N, C-alpha and C. Protein backbone atom coordinates (compact mmCIF):
# COMPACT_ATOMS: atom_id res chain seq x y z
N UNK A 1 0.73 -1.23 -0.08
CA UNK A 1 0.11 -0.02 0.02
C UNK A 1 0.95 1.17 -0.03
N UNK A 2 0.58 2.25 -0.78
CA UNK A 2 1.43 3.32 -0.85
C UNK A 2 1.17 4.28 0.26
N UNK A 3 2.01 5.32 0.40
CA UNK A 3 1.89 6.18 1.35
C UNK A 3 0.80 7.00 1.46
N UNK A 4 0.24 7.49 0.21
CA UNK A 4 -1.03 8.15 0.06
C UNK A 4 -2.16 7.25 0.51
N UNK A 5 -2.12 6.02 0.38
CA UNK A 5 -3.15 5.03 0.53
C UNK A 5 -3.35 5.06 2.18
N UNK A 6 -2.13 4.81 2.66
CA UNK A 6 -2.05 4.71 4.24
C UNK A 6 -2.55 6.07 4.85
N UNK A 7 -2.20 7.27 4.33
CA UNK A 7 -2.68 8.23 4.93
C UNK A 7 -4.31 8.41 4.59
N UNK A 8 -4.81 7.76 3.59
CA UNK A 8 -6.10 7.74 3.28
C UNK A 8 -6.88 7.09 4.20
N UNK A 9 -6.14 5.71 4.60
CA UNK A 9 -6.85 4.92 5.51
C UNK A 9 -6.88 5.62 6.81
N UNK A 10 -5.94 6.12 7.21
CA UNK A 10 -5.93 6.96 8.59
C UNK A 10 -7.03 7.98 8.68
N UNK A 11 -7.06 8.68 7.57
CA UNK A 11 -8.03 10.00 7.50
C UNK A 11 -9.37 9.44 7.64
N UNK A 12 -9.74 8.54 6.82
CA UNK A 12 -11.13 8.02 6.80
C UNK A 12 -11.42 7.23 8.03
N UNK A 13 -10.46 6.53 8.49
CA UNK A 13 -10.86 5.76 9.66
C UNK A 13 -11.26 6.83 10.81
N UNK A 14 -10.45 7.86 10.90
CA UNK A 14 -10.67 8.85 12.03
C UNK A 14 -11.88 9.70 11.93
N UNK A 15 -12.30 10.02 10.56
CA UNK A 15 -13.61 10.51 10.31
C UNK A 15 -14.76 9.49 10.80
N UNK A 16 -14.50 8.10 10.74
CA UNK A 16 -15.67 7.45 11.08
C UNK A 16 -15.71 7.33 12.60
N UNK A 17 -14.39 7.17 13.09
CA UNK A 17 -14.44 6.94 14.66
C UNK A 17 -14.87 8.28 15.31
N UNK A 18 -14.57 9.28 14.83
CA UNK A 18 -15.05 10.42 15.39
C UNK A 18 -16.50 10.76 15.23
N UNK A 19 -17.12 10.09 14.33
CA UNK A 19 -18.54 10.13 14.05
C UNK A 19 -18.77 11.17 12.98
N UNK A 20 -17.87 11.73 12.38
CA UNK A 20 -18.08 12.65 11.28
C UNK A 20 -19.01 12.07 9.98
N UNK A 21 -18.39 10.79 9.86
CA UNK A 21 -19.17 9.77 8.92
C UNK A 21 -19.88 8.78 9.87
N UNK A 22 -21.20 9.00 9.75
CA UNK A 22 -22.00 8.20 10.66
C UNK A 22 -22.49 6.89 9.99
N UNK A 23 -23.07 5.89 10.79
CA UNK A 23 -23.29 4.49 10.46
C UNK A 23 -24.30 4.56 9.06
N UNK A 24 -24.14 4.10 7.93
CA UNK A 24 -24.97 4.05 6.71
C UNK A 24 -24.54 4.98 5.79
N UNK A 25 -23.89 6.20 6.13
CA UNK A 25 -23.23 7.15 5.29
C UNK A 25 -22.52 6.53 3.91
N UNK A 26 -23.04 6.89 2.80
CA UNK A 26 -22.36 6.47 1.55
C UNK A 26 -20.99 7.22 1.46
N UNK A 27 -20.07 6.36 0.98
CA UNK A 27 -18.74 6.82 0.81
C UNK A 27 -18.33 6.99 -0.68
N UNK A 28 -18.56 7.97 -1.38
CA UNK A 28 -18.16 8.03 -2.56
C UNK A 28 -16.68 8.33 -2.79
N UNK A 29 -16.00 7.81 -3.86
CA UNK A 29 -14.73 7.76 -4.07
C UNK A 29 -14.44 9.13 -4.36
N UNK A 30 -15.11 9.77 -5.29
CA UNK A 30 -14.88 11.15 -5.94
C UNK A 30 -14.90 12.10 -4.70
N UNK A 31 -15.97 11.98 -3.92
CA UNK A 31 -16.33 13.14 -2.80
C UNK A 31 -15.22 12.97 -1.75
N UNK A 32 -14.72 11.66 -1.56
CA UNK A 32 -13.82 11.47 -0.29
C UNK A 32 -12.33 11.95 -1.10
N UNK A 33 -12.07 11.57 -2.23
CA UNK A 33 -10.77 12.22 -2.77
C UNK A 33 -10.60 13.54 -2.80
N UNK A 34 -11.82 14.37 -3.12
CA UNK A 34 -11.62 15.69 -3.09
C UNK A 34 -11.52 16.22 -1.66
N UNK A 35 -12.26 15.61 -0.71
CA UNK A 35 -12.28 16.10 0.83
C UNK A 35 -10.81 15.92 1.23
N UNK A 36 -10.14 14.79 0.85
CA UNK A 36 -8.69 14.50 1.52
C UNK A 36 -7.53 14.97 0.73
N UNK A 37 -7.90 15.46 -0.37
CA UNK A 37 -6.99 15.91 -1.46
C UNK A 37 -5.91 14.98 -2.06
N UNK A 38 -6.48 13.81 -2.28
CA UNK A 38 -5.90 12.67 -3.09
C UNK A 38 -6.59 12.43 -4.11
N UNK A 39 -5.87 11.28 -5.08
CA UNK A 39 -6.76 10.74 -6.10
C UNK A 39 -7.64 9.70 -5.70
N UNK A 40 -8.40 9.13 -6.62
CA UNK A 40 -9.38 8.12 -6.30
C UNK A 40 -8.81 6.70 -5.96
N UNK A 41 -7.65 6.68 -6.39
CA UNK A 41 -6.83 5.19 -6.25
C UNK A 41 -6.58 5.11 -4.73
N UNK A 42 -5.93 5.93 -4.04
CA UNK A 42 -5.63 5.69 -2.61
C UNK A 42 -6.92 5.69 -1.92
N UNK A 43 -8.13 6.25 -2.24
CA UNK A 43 -9.37 6.22 -1.59
C UNK A 43 -9.96 4.91 -1.78
N UNK A 44 -9.93 4.31 -3.06
CA UNK A 44 -10.32 2.86 -3.27
C UNK A 44 -9.54 1.89 -2.38
N UNK A 45 -8.31 2.08 -2.32
CA UNK A 45 -7.34 1.02 -1.58
C UNK A 45 -7.65 1.31 -0.14
N UNK A 46 -8.08 2.57 0.35
CA UNK A 46 -8.44 2.79 1.73
C UNK A 46 -9.65 1.97 2.14
N UNK A 47 -10.83 2.26 1.36
CA UNK A 47 -12.06 1.64 1.52
C UNK A 47 -11.96 0.07 1.60
N UNK A 48 -11.09 -0.48 0.95
CA UNK A 48 -10.91 -1.97 0.93
C UNK A 48 -10.40 -2.27 2.09
N UNK A 49 -9.35 -1.61 2.75
CA UNK A 49 -8.48 -1.94 4.02
C UNK A 49 -9.64 -1.83 5.09
N UNK A 50 -10.38 -0.75 5.16
CA UNK A 50 -11.47 -0.28 6.23
C UNK A 50 -12.56 -1.34 6.16
N UNK A 51 -12.90 -1.91 4.92
CA UNK A 51 -13.94 -2.95 4.95
C UNK A 51 -13.46 -4.32 5.56
N UNK A 52 -12.10 -4.43 5.51
CA UNK A 52 -11.46 -5.64 6.22
C UNK A 52 -11.36 -5.39 7.68
N UNK A 53 -11.55 -4.29 8.04
CA UNK A 53 -11.55 -3.92 9.47
C UNK A 53 -12.92 -4.00 10.01
N UNK A 54 -13.91 -3.93 9.19
CA UNK A 54 -15.25 -3.81 9.58
C UNK A 54 -15.77 -2.47 9.85
N UNK A 55 -15.16 -1.51 9.38
CA UNK A 55 -15.59 -0.13 9.50
C UNK A 55 -16.49 0.36 8.43
N UNK A 56 -16.21 -0.36 7.22
CA UNK A 56 -16.86 -0.14 6.03
C UNK A 56 -17.49 -1.28 5.32
N UNK A 57 -18.82 -1.10 4.70
CA UNK A 57 -19.21 -2.27 3.97
C UNK A 57 -19.22 -1.92 2.40
N UNK A 58 -18.75 -2.69 1.69
CA UNK A 58 -18.70 -2.54 0.15
C UNK A 58 -19.94 -3.60 -0.42
N UNK A 59 -20.81 -2.76 -0.94
CA UNK A 59 -21.99 -3.53 -1.55
C UNK A 59 -21.88 -3.63 -3.19
N UNK A 60 -21.81 -4.82 -3.58
CA UNK A 60 -21.53 -4.91 -5.19
C UNK A 60 -22.54 -3.98 -5.85
N UNK A 61 -22.02 -3.13 -6.85
CA UNK A 61 -23.02 -2.18 -7.57
C UNK A 61 -23.55 -1.04 -6.95
N UNK A 62 -23.29 -1.04 -5.65
CA UNK A 62 -23.86 0.01 -4.92
C UNK A 62 -22.95 0.91 -4.32
N UNK A 63 -21.55 0.38 -4.32
CA UNK A 63 -20.46 1.05 -3.70
C UNK A 63 -20.33 0.92 -2.17
N UNK A 64 -19.48 1.79 -1.58
CA UNK A 64 -19.19 1.69 -0.14
C UNK A 64 -20.21 2.49 0.92
N UNK A 65 -20.26 2.07 2.12
CA UNK A 65 -20.91 2.97 3.12
C UNK A 65 -20.39 2.72 4.35
N UNK A 66 -20.41 3.56 5.36
CA UNK A 66 -20.01 3.26 6.72
C UNK A 66 -20.98 2.09 7.23
N UNK A 67 -20.19 1.10 7.86
CA UNK A 67 -20.84 -0.03 8.43
C UNK A 67 -21.97 0.20 9.48
N UNK A 68 -22.89 -0.29 9.51
CA UNK A 68 -24.02 -0.27 10.48
C UNK A 68 -24.25 -1.66 11.16
N UNK A 69 -24.80 -1.66 12.34
CA UNK A 69 -24.78 -2.96 13.11
C UNK A 69 -26.24 -3.07 13.72
N UNK A 70 -26.58 -4.58 13.60
CA UNK A 70 -27.98 -4.81 14.06
C UNK A 70 -27.68 -4.98 15.50
N UNK A 71 -29.07 -5.17 16.20
CA UNK A 71 -29.11 -5.51 17.62
C UNK A 71 -28.34 -6.75 17.89
N UNK A 72 -28.73 -7.78 17.11
CA UNK A 72 -28.01 -9.08 17.33
C UNK A 72 -26.27 -9.02 17.08
N UNK A 73 -26.14 -8.26 16.13
CA UNK A 73 -24.43 -7.99 16.03
C UNK A 73 -23.92 -7.40 17.26
N UNK A 74 -24.65 -6.37 17.74
CA UNK A 74 -24.09 -5.60 18.90
C UNK A 74 -24.01 -6.45 20.16
N UNK A 75 -25.01 -7.27 20.17
CA UNK A 75 -25.10 -8.20 21.52
C UNK A 75 -23.72 -9.23 21.36
N UNK A 76 -23.57 -9.55 20.24
CA UNK A 76 -22.37 -10.43 20.01
C UNK A 76 -21.07 -9.85 20.32
N UNK A 77 -21.10 -8.41 19.98
CA UNK A 77 -19.78 -7.54 20.16
C UNK A 77 -19.75 -7.35 21.70
N UNK A 78 -20.72 -7.05 22.31
CA UNK A 78 -20.63 -6.77 23.87
C UNK A 78 -20.44 -8.34 24.60
N UNK A 79 -20.75 -9.20 24.02
CA UNK A 79 -20.59 -10.65 24.75
C UNK A 79 -18.99 -10.65 24.73
N UNK A 80 -18.34 -10.48 23.47
CA UNK A 80 -17.10 -10.63 23.28
C UNK A 80 -16.30 -9.63 24.21
N UNK A 81 -16.62 -8.39 24.35
CA UNK A 81 -16.02 -7.41 25.22
C UNK A 81 -16.15 -7.83 26.65
N UNK A 82 -17.47 -8.37 26.93
CA UNK A 82 -17.48 -8.67 28.41
C UNK A 82 -16.53 -9.76 28.70
N UNK A 83 -16.20 -10.77 27.86
CA UNK A 83 -15.46 -11.88 28.08
C UNK A 83 -13.95 -11.49 28.24
N UNK A 84 -13.64 -10.53 27.28
CA UNK A 84 -12.12 -10.19 27.16
C UNK A 84 -11.67 -9.01 27.94
N UNK A 85 -12.44 -7.87 27.78
CA UNK A 85 -11.71 -6.39 28.38
C UNK A 85 -11.62 -6.50 29.81
N UNK A 86 -12.61 -6.91 30.64
CA UNK A 86 -12.45 -7.20 32.14
C UNK A 86 -11.11 -8.00 32.51
N UNK A 87 -10.83 -9.18 31.81
CA UNK A 87 -9.75 -9.99 31.90
C UNK A 87 -8.43 -9.28 31.67
N UNK A 88 -8.42 -8.39 30.52
CA UNK A 88 -7.28 -7.73 30.23
C UNK A 88 -6.89 -6.50 31.18
N UNK A 89 -8.02 -6.02 31.82
CA UNK A 89 -7.92 -4.90 32.72
C UNK A 89 -7.21 -5.48 34.02
N UNK A 90 -7.76 -6.64 34.50
CA UNK A 90 -7.22 -7.36 35.43
C UNK A 90 -5.78 -7.53 35.40
N UNK A 91 -5.30 -8.17 34.23
CA UNK A 91 -3.97 -8.54 33.96
C UNK A 91 -2.88 -7.25 33.87
N UNK A 92 -3.73 -6.09 33.51
CA UNK A 92 -2.87 -4.90 33.45
C UNK A 92 -2.42 -4.31 34.98
N UNK A 93 -3.33 -4.75 35.93
CA UNK A 93 -3.04 -4.22 37.02
C UNK A 93 -1.56 -4.35 37.85
N UNK A 94 -1.21 -5.70 37.79
CA UNK A 94 0.29 -5.88 38.40
C UNK A 94 1.47 -5.52 37.59
N UNK A 95 0.99 -5.04 36.06
CA UNK A 95 2.07 -4.62 35.23
C UNK A 95 2.21 -3.01 35.17
N UNK A 96 1.08 -2.32 35.65
CA UNK A 96 1.16 -1.01 35.58
C UNK A 96 2.21 -0.16 36.47
N UNK A 97 2.93 0.69 35.92
CA UNK A 97 4.01 1.28 36.82
C UNK A 97 3.33 2.67 36.98
N UNK A 98 4.34 3.68 37.63
CA UNK A 98 3.89 4.95 38.23
C UNK A 98 3.47 5.78 36.93
N UNK A 99 4.32 5.60 35.69
CA UNK A 99 3.84 6.41 34.70
C UNK A 99 2.59 6.12 34.09
N UNK A 100 2.32 4.77 33.88
CA UNK A 100 0.89 4.20 33.44
C UNK A 100 -0.18 4.81 34.34
N UNK A 101 -0.13 4.77 35.69
CA UNK A 101 -1.13 5.19 36.45
C UNK A 101 -1.32 6.64 36.45
N UNK A 102 -0.26 7.37 36.20
CA UNK A 102 -0.52 8.80 36.07
C UNK A 102 -1.03 9.23 34.61
N UNK A 103 -0.77 8.52 33.56
CA UNK A 103 -1.35 8.55 32.40
C UNK A 103 -2.86 8.37 32.39
N UNK A 104 -3.17 7.14 32.88
CA UNK A 104 -4.69 6.89 33.16
C UNK A 104 -5.33 7.79 33.96
N UNK A 105 -4.82 8.14 34.95
CA UNK A 105 -5.46 9.12 35.80
C UNK A 105 -5.66 10.45 34.98
N UNK A 106 -4.76 10.96 34.52
CA UNK A 106 -5.06 12.14 33.77
C UNK A 106 -5.98 12.11 32.59
N UNK A 107 -5.94 10.84 32.00
CA UNK A 107 -7.06 10.72 31.15
C UNK A 107 -8.50 10.69 31.74
N UNK A 108 -8.50 9.99 32.70
CA UNK A 108 -9.73 9.91 33.53
C UNK A 108 -10.45 11.29 34.03
N UNK A 109 -9.55 11.91 34.45
CA UNK A 109 -9.70 13.33 35.14
C UNK A 109 -10.34 14.27 33.93
N UNK A 110 -9.52 14.31 32.70
CA UNK A 110 -9.76 15.11 31.63
C UNK A 110 -11.21 14.64 31.06
N UNK A 111 -11.37 13.44 31.13
CA UNK A 111 -12.60 12.89 30.50
C UNK A 111 -13.95 13.38 31.44
N UNK A 112 -13.70 13.50 32.81
CA UNK A 112 -14.65 14.12 33.63
C UNK A 112 -14.97 15.53 33.28
N UNK A 113 -13.83 16.21 33.04
CA UNK A 113 -13.74 17.75 32.67
C UNK A 113 -14.56 18.12 31.58
N UNK A 114 -14.38 17.11 30.54
CA UNK A 114 -15.05 17.55 29.31
C UNK A 114 -16.41 16.73 29.07
N UNK A 115 -16.63 15.87 29.84
CA UNK A 115 -17.74 14.83 29.61
C UNK A 115 -19.11 15.20 30.60
N UNK A 116 -18.87 15.74 31.74
CA UNK A 116 -19.77 15.91 32.63
C UNK A 116 -20.91 17.06 32.06
N UNK A 117 -22.19 16.80 32.16
CA UNK A 117 -23.12 17.71 31.71
C UNK A 117 -22.84 19.16 32.31
N UNK A 118 -22.74 20.12 31.47
CA UNK A 118 -22.79 21.56 31.86
C UNK A 118 -22.27 22.35 30.61
N UNK A 119 -22.18 23.71 30.81
CA UNK A 119 -21.77 24.61 29.61
C UNK A 119 -20.58 24.16 29.01
N UNK A 120 -19.45 23.36 29.58
CA UNK A 120 -18.41 23.21 28.93
C UNK A 120 -18.20 21.85 28.31
N UNK A 121 -19.24 20.98 28.50
CA UNK A 121 -19.45 19.70 27.98
C UNK A 121 -19.03 19.70 26.50
N UNK A 122 -18.14 18.68 26.11
CA UNK A 122 -17.60 18.46 24.75
C UNK A 122 -17.45 16.89 24.54
N UNK A 123 -18.79 16.44 24.18
CA UNK A 123 -18.86 14.91 23.96
C UNK A 123 -17.79 14.58 22.88
N UNK A 124 -17.74 15.36 21.89
CA UNK A 124 -16.62 14.61 20.71
C UNK A 124 -15.32 14.65 21.22
N UNK A 125 -14.78 15.39 22.34
CA UNK A 125 -13.73 15.37 22.90
C UNK A 125 -13.49 14.14 23.52
N UNK A 126 -14.47 13.49 23.97
CA UNK A 126 -14.54 12.23 24.77
C UNK A 126 -13.91 11.01 23.90
N UNK A 127 -14.06 11.15 22.56
CA UNK A 127 -13.83 10.00 21.77
C UNK A 127 -12.42 9.51 21.92
N UNK A 128 -11.65 10.53 21.38
CA UNK A 128 -9.97 9.99 21.60
C UNK A 128 -9.54 9.82 22.86
N UNK A 129 -9.99 10.66 23.91
CA UNK A 129 -9.54 10.36 25.17
C UNK A 129 -9.88 9.02 25.78
N UNK A 130 -11.32 8.60 25.44
CA UNK A 130 -11.78 7.23 25.78
C UNK A 130 -10.89 6.03 25.13
N UNK A 131 -10.51 6.37 23.97
CA UNK A 131 -9.86 5.36 23.04
C UNK A 131 -8.49 5.22 23.74
N UNK A 132 -7.75 6.34 24.08
CA UNK A 132 -6.52 6.30 24.54
C UNK A 132 -6.57 5.57 25.87
N UNK A 133 -7.53 5.81 26.73
CA UNK A 133 -7.77 5.11 28.15
C UNK A 133 -7.53 3.72 27.89
N UNK A 134 -8.60 3.19 27.08
CA UNK A 134 -8.84 1.76 26.95
C UNK A 134 -7.59 1.00 26.11
N UNK A 135 -6.99 1.65 25.31
CA UNK A 135 -5.77 1.34 24.48
C UNK A 135 -4.68 1.09 25.48
N UNK A 136 -4.56 1.99 26.25
CA UNK A 136 -3.60 1.97 27.47
C UNK A 136 -3.51 0.67 28.24
N UNK A 137 -4.68 0.54 28.76
CA UNK A 137 -4.81 -0.92 29.49
C UNK A 137 -4.51 -1.91 28.79
N UNK A 138 -4.67 -1.93 27.42
CA UNK A 138 -4.32 -3.08 26.57
C UNK A 138 -2.89 -3.23 26.41
N UNK A 139 -2.36 -2.22 26.20
CA UNK A 139 -0.79 -2.16 26.08
C UNK A 139 -0.04 -2.68 27.46
N UNK A 140 -0.54 -2.07 28.49
CA UNK A 140 -0.07 -2.45 29.77
C UNK A 140 -0.19 -3.91 30.16
N UNK A 141 -1.32 -4.48 29.78
CA UNK A 141 -1.67 -5.86 29.99
C UNK A 141 -0.62 -6.62 29.28
N UNK A 142 -0.15 -6.24 28.01
CA UNK A 142 0.73 -7.11 27.27
C UNK A 142 0.35 -8.53 26.93
N UNK A 143 -0.70 -8.65 26.57
CA UNK A 143 -1.44 -9.94 26.21
C UNK A 143 -1.88 -9.84 24.55
N UNK A 144 -0.86 -10.21 23.70
CA UNK A 144 -1.21 -9.97 22.34
C UNK A 144 -2.13 -10.76 21.77
N UNK A 145 -2.40 -11.89 22.25
CA UNK A 145 -3.43 -12.70 21.81
C UNK A 145 -4.92 -12.25 22.21
N UNK A 146 -4.98 -11.81 23.38
CA UNK A 146 -6.06 -11.09 23.99
C UNK A 146 -6.49 -9.87 23.37
N UNK A 147 -5.48 -9.02 23.06
CA UNK A 147 -5.29 -7.58 22.40
C UNK A 147 -6.02 -7.88 20.96
N UNK A 148 -5.54 -8.97 20.27
CA UNK A 148 -5.97 -9.02 18.87
C UNK A 148 -7.47 -9.46 18.88
N UNK A 149 -7.83 -10.39 19.71
CA UNK A 149 -9.42 -10.66 19.87
C UNK A 149 -10.20 -9.62 20.19
N UNK A 150 -9.84 -8.71 21.06
CA UNK A 150 -10.60 -7.62 21.43
C UNK A 150 -10.63 -6.62 20.52
N UNK A 151 -9.70 -6.36 19.59
CA UNK A 151 -9.53 -5.21 18.70
C UNK A 151 -10.85 -5.43 17.59
N UNK A 152 -11.14 -6.59 17.27
CA UNK A 152 -12.32 -6.71 16.46
C UNK A 152 -13.54 -6.17 17.02
N UNK A 153 -13.73 -6.41 18.52
CA UNK A 153 -14.86 -6.15 19.02
C UNK A 153 -14.96 -4.63 19.20
N UNK A 154 -13.79 -4.11 19.77
CA UNK A 154 -14.21 -2.62 20.12
C UNK A 154 -13.53 -1.53 18.90
N UNK A 155 -13.14 -1.99 18.00
CA UNK A 155 -12.74 -1.07 16.68
C UNK A 155 -13.69 -0.90 15.81
N UNK A 156 -14.65 -1.85 15.44
CA UNK A 156 -15.48 -2.04 14.45
C UNK A 156 -16.88 -1.18 14.59
N UNK A 157 -17.61 -1.50 15.77
CA UNK A 157 -18.90 -0.79 15.80
C UNK A 157 -18.82 0.58 16.33
N UNK A 158 -19.32 1.48 15.23
CA UNK A 158 -18.79 2.80 15.40
C UNK A 158 -19.82 3.38 16.50
N UNK A 159 -20.92 2.75 16.60
CA UNK A 159 -22.00 3.23 17.77
C UNK A 159 -21.28 3.17 19.11
N UNK A 160 -20.30 2.46 19.41
CA UNK A 160 -19.74 2.40 20.46
C UNK A 160 -18.94 3.67 20.91
N UNK A 161 -18.75 4.46 20.01
CA UNK A 161 -18.03 5.85 20.23
C UNK A 161 -18.77 6.88 20.35
N UNK A 162 -20.29 6.59 20.24
CA UNK A 162 -21.12 7.80 20.23
C UNK A 162 -21.64 8.08 21.55
N UNK A 163 -20.86 9.19 22.13
CA UNK A 163 -21.34 9.45 23.56
C UNK A 163 -22.65 10.34 23.50
N UNK A 164 -23.03 10.72 22.41
CA UNK A 164 -24.31 11.51 22.23
C UNK A 164 -25.44 10.65 22.58
N UNK A 165 -25.30 9.23 22.42
CA UNK A 165 -26.44 8.38 22.66
C UNK A 165 -26.54 8.32 24.20
N UNK A 166 -25.57 8.47 24.99
CA UNK A 166 -25.79 8.38 26.44
C UNK A 166 -26.73 9.43 27.16
N UNK A 167 -27.61 9.02 28.08
CA UNK A 167 -28.44 10.05 28.82
C UNK A 167 -27.32 10.32 30.05
N UNK A 168 -27.84 11.44 30.58
CA UNK A 168 -26.77 12.21 31.74
C UNK A 168 -26.41 11.13 32.73
N UNK A 169 -27.42 10.09 33.28
CA UNK A 169 -27.12 9.14 34.35
C UNK A 169 -26.02 8.16 33.81
N UNK A 170 -26.28 7.67 32.58
CA UNK A 170 -25.49 6.52 32.03
C UNK A 170 -23.98 7.20 31.78
N UNK A 171 -24.00 8.51 31.35
CA UNK A 171 -22.63 9.13 30.97
C UNK A 171 -21.84 9.50 32.26
N UNK A 172 -22.59 9.86 33.36
CA UNK A 172 -21.94 10.06 34.67
C UNK A 172 -21.43 8.67 35.11
N UNK A 173 -22.22 7.51 34.95
CA UNK A 173 -21.72 6.35 35.38
C UNK A 173 -20.36 5.95 34.78
N UNK A 174 -20.32 6.19 33.39
CA UNK A 174 -19.28 5.69 32.42
C UNK A 174 -18.01 6.49 32.78
N UNK A 175 -17.97 7.77 33.15
CA UNK A 175 -17.07 8.47 33.38
C UNK A 175 -16.35 8.10 34.89
N UNK A 176 -17.32 7.90 35.75
CA UNK A 176 -16.80 7.56 37.08
C UNK A 176 -15.99 6.17 37.05
N UNK A 177 -16.58 5.29 36.06
CA UNK A 177 -15.85 3.90 36.08
C UNK A 177 -14.58 4.24 35.68
N UNK A 178 -13.99 5.18 34.87
CA UNK A 178 -12.60 5.30 34.38
C UNK A 178 -11.92 5.68 35.73
N UNK A 179 -12.50 6.57 36.36
CA UNK A 179 -11.73 7.07 37.70
C UNK A 179 -11.49 5.84 38.74
N UNK A 180 -12.61 5.17 38.84
CA UNK A 180 -12.73 3.91 39.75
C UNK A 180 -11.58 2.75 39.23
N UNK A 181 -11.57 2.77 37.91
CA UNK A 181 -10.56 1.73 37.50
C UNK A 181 -9.04 2.03 37.94
N UNK A 182 -8.88 3.52 37.75
CA UNK A 182 -7.47 3.91 38.15
C UNK A 182 -7.42 3.58 39.67
N UNK A 183 -8.19 3.84 40.38
CA UNK A 183 -8.21 3.70 41.84
C UNK A 183 -7.87 2.29 42.13
N UNK A 184 -8.53 1.37 41.40
CA UNK A 184 -8.25 -0.03 41.55
C UNK A 184 -6.92 -0.46 41.20
N UNK A 185 -6.47 0.13 40.28
CA UNK A 185 -5.08 -0.13 39.77
C UNK A 185 -3.98 0.33 40.67
N UNK A 186 -4.26 1.44 41.22
CA UNK A 186 -3.48 2.23 42.16
C UNK A 186 -3.36 1.38 43.30
N UNK A 187 -4.30 0.69 43.78
CA UNK A 187 -4.49 -0.14 45.05
C UNK A 187 -3.85 -1.47 44.69
N UNK A 188 -3.66 -1.80 43.53
CA UNK A 188 -3.11 -3.08 43.06
C UNK A 188 -4.05 -4.11 43.15
N UNK A 189 -5.19 -3.87 42.97
CA UNK A 189 -6.46 -4.96 43.09
C UNK A 189 -7.04 -5.39 41.92
N UNK A 190 -6.64 -6.40 41.26
CA UNK A 190 -7.12 -6.91 39.84
C UNK A 190 -8.60 -7.21 40.03
N UNK A 191 -9.00 -7.76 41.07
CA UNK A 191 -10.50 -8.12 41.16
C UNK A 191 -11.29 -7.05 41.09
N UNK A 192 -10.93 -6.00 41.81
CA UNK A 192 -11.64 -4.53 41.76
C UNK A 192 -11.78 -4.16 40.40
N UNK A 193 -10.53 -3.98 39.75
CA UNK A 193 -10.50 -3.33 38.52
C UNK A 193 -11.29 -4.19 37.51
N UNK A 194 -11.39 -5.54 37.65
CA UNK A 194 -12.13 -6.30 36.77
C UNK A 194 -13.63 -6.13 36.75
N UNK A 195 -13.98 -6.00 38.03
CA UNK A 195 -15.26 -5.89 38.35
C UNK A 195 -15.92 -4.50 37.92
N UNK A 196 -15.07 -3.34 38.03
CA UNK A 196 -15.42 -2.09 37.48
C UNK A 196 -15.59 -2.10 36.01
N UNK A 197 -14.59 -2.77 35.35
CA UNK A 197 -14.52 -2.78 33.78
C UNK A 197 -15.88 -3.57 33.38
N UNK A 198 -16.34 -4.79 34.17
CA UNK A 198 -17.47 -5.36 33.67
C UNK A 198 -18.80 -4.39 33.75
N UNK A 199 -18.94 -3.67 34.77
CA UNK A 199 -19.97 -2.68 35.07
C UNK A 199 -19.79 -1.67 33.93
N UNK A 200 -18.70 -1.21 33.44
CA UNK A 200 -18.56 -0.20 32.50
C UNK A 200 -18.88 -0.77 31.09
N UNK A 201 -18.66 -1.87 30.73
CA UNK A 201 -19.21 -2.49 29.48
C UNK A 201 -20.58 -2.74 29.66
N UNK A 202 -21.09 -3.10 30.79
CA UNK A 202 -22.53 -3.45 30.74
C UNK A 202 -23.25 -2.00 30.62
N UNK A 203 -22.81 -1.04 31.16
CA UNK A 203 -23.49 0.29 31.04
C UNK A 203 -23.50 0.71 29.54
N UNK A 204 -22.44 0.64 28.92
CA UNK A 204 -22.26 0.71 27.44
C UNK A 204 -23.21 -0.07 26.60
N UNK A 205 -23.27 -1.23 27.03
CA UNK A 205 -24.37 -2.21 26.28
C UNK A 205 -25.86 -1.96 26.39
N UNK A 206 -26.20 -1.51 27.61
CA UNK A 206 -27.48 -0.98 27.78
C UNK A 206 -27.95 0.21 26.93
N UNK A 207 -26.90 1.25 26.94
CA UNK A 207 -27.08 2.38 26.19
C UNK A 207 -27.11 1.97 24.58
N UNK A 208 -26.38 1.34 24.03
CA UNK A 208 -26.18 1.07 22.65
C UNK A 208 -27.23 0.17 22.25
N UNK A 209 -27.54 -0.96 22.89
CA UNK A 209 -28.60 -1.72 22.56
C UNK A 209 -29.87 -1.11 22.37
N UNK A 210 -30.28 -0.06 23.46
CA UNK A 210 -31.33 0.71 23.45
C UNK A 210 -31.43 1.66 22.10
N UNK A 211 -30.26 2.10 21.73
CA UNK A 211 -30.36 2.93 20.46
C UNK A 211 -30.44 2.20 19.27
N UNK A 212 -29.77 0.79 19.09
CA UNK A 212 -30.09 0.01 18.12
C UNK A 212 -31.32 -0.54 17.75
N UNK A 213 -32.09 -0.71 19.06
CA UNK A 213 -33.40 -1.28 19.05
C UNK A 213 -34.44 -0.27 18.46
N UNK A 214 -34.04 0.98 18.78
CA UNK A 214 -34.84 2.20 18.36
C UNK A 214 -34.74 2.46 16.88
N UNK A 215 -33.71 2.02 16.40
CA UNK A 215 -33.25 2.29 14.83
C UNK A 215 -33.77 1.19 14.21
N UNK A 216 -33.91 0.00 14.83
CA UNK A 216 -34.64 -1.13 14.08
C UNK A 216 -36.03 -1.11 14.22
N UNK A 217 -36.61 -0.45 14.94
CA UNK A 217 -38.14 -0.41 15.21
C UNK A 217 -38.70 -0.07 13.96
N UNK A 218 -39.87 -0.46 13.45
CA UNK A 218 -40.56 0.02 12.34
C UNK A 218 -41.10 1.16 12.42
């Protein structure tokens, strides 16, 4: 893959993960090429790569669109997350050093600052912060096989990054979970950390399945 194609992959992926391109949005090669300032070839290659990642659907004779997820598919995703991510979090606890704890704590506190309801709330800013927090736990755990299995569950479903779907109570719970996970890591308690991550995922599951059911309703 050329450097231009790699840049296109990164740019389109970020547009999708940020929610600028929402589920079901048609991805025209010409429009994307103009938006990214590249030719159609890198865009076409990028869409193929993102289709392999599950972020994009390519329909014969109809082109590409941002992937959408059914209730049943999301249930499967959350089943996988519930099995893997709490375990990864527990494994990260004894491996986390002072720097890891500091970084995780700063991310959790910043998410509170930008995410809590109020005049300064910026839900879009939560997306990269949340991704960095969860990615850091995976890196610290140092379990490549589990990380690979988890990547397919947390990277593809775009709805999982949509904090606009959260009501105030669910959002407050989610933000508090990050802070509590850091507290559990600082205390060196993997059982506590695993339990909080389990609750965190179940909170997200409830929100996202509600949204998916509303979208599937006739």
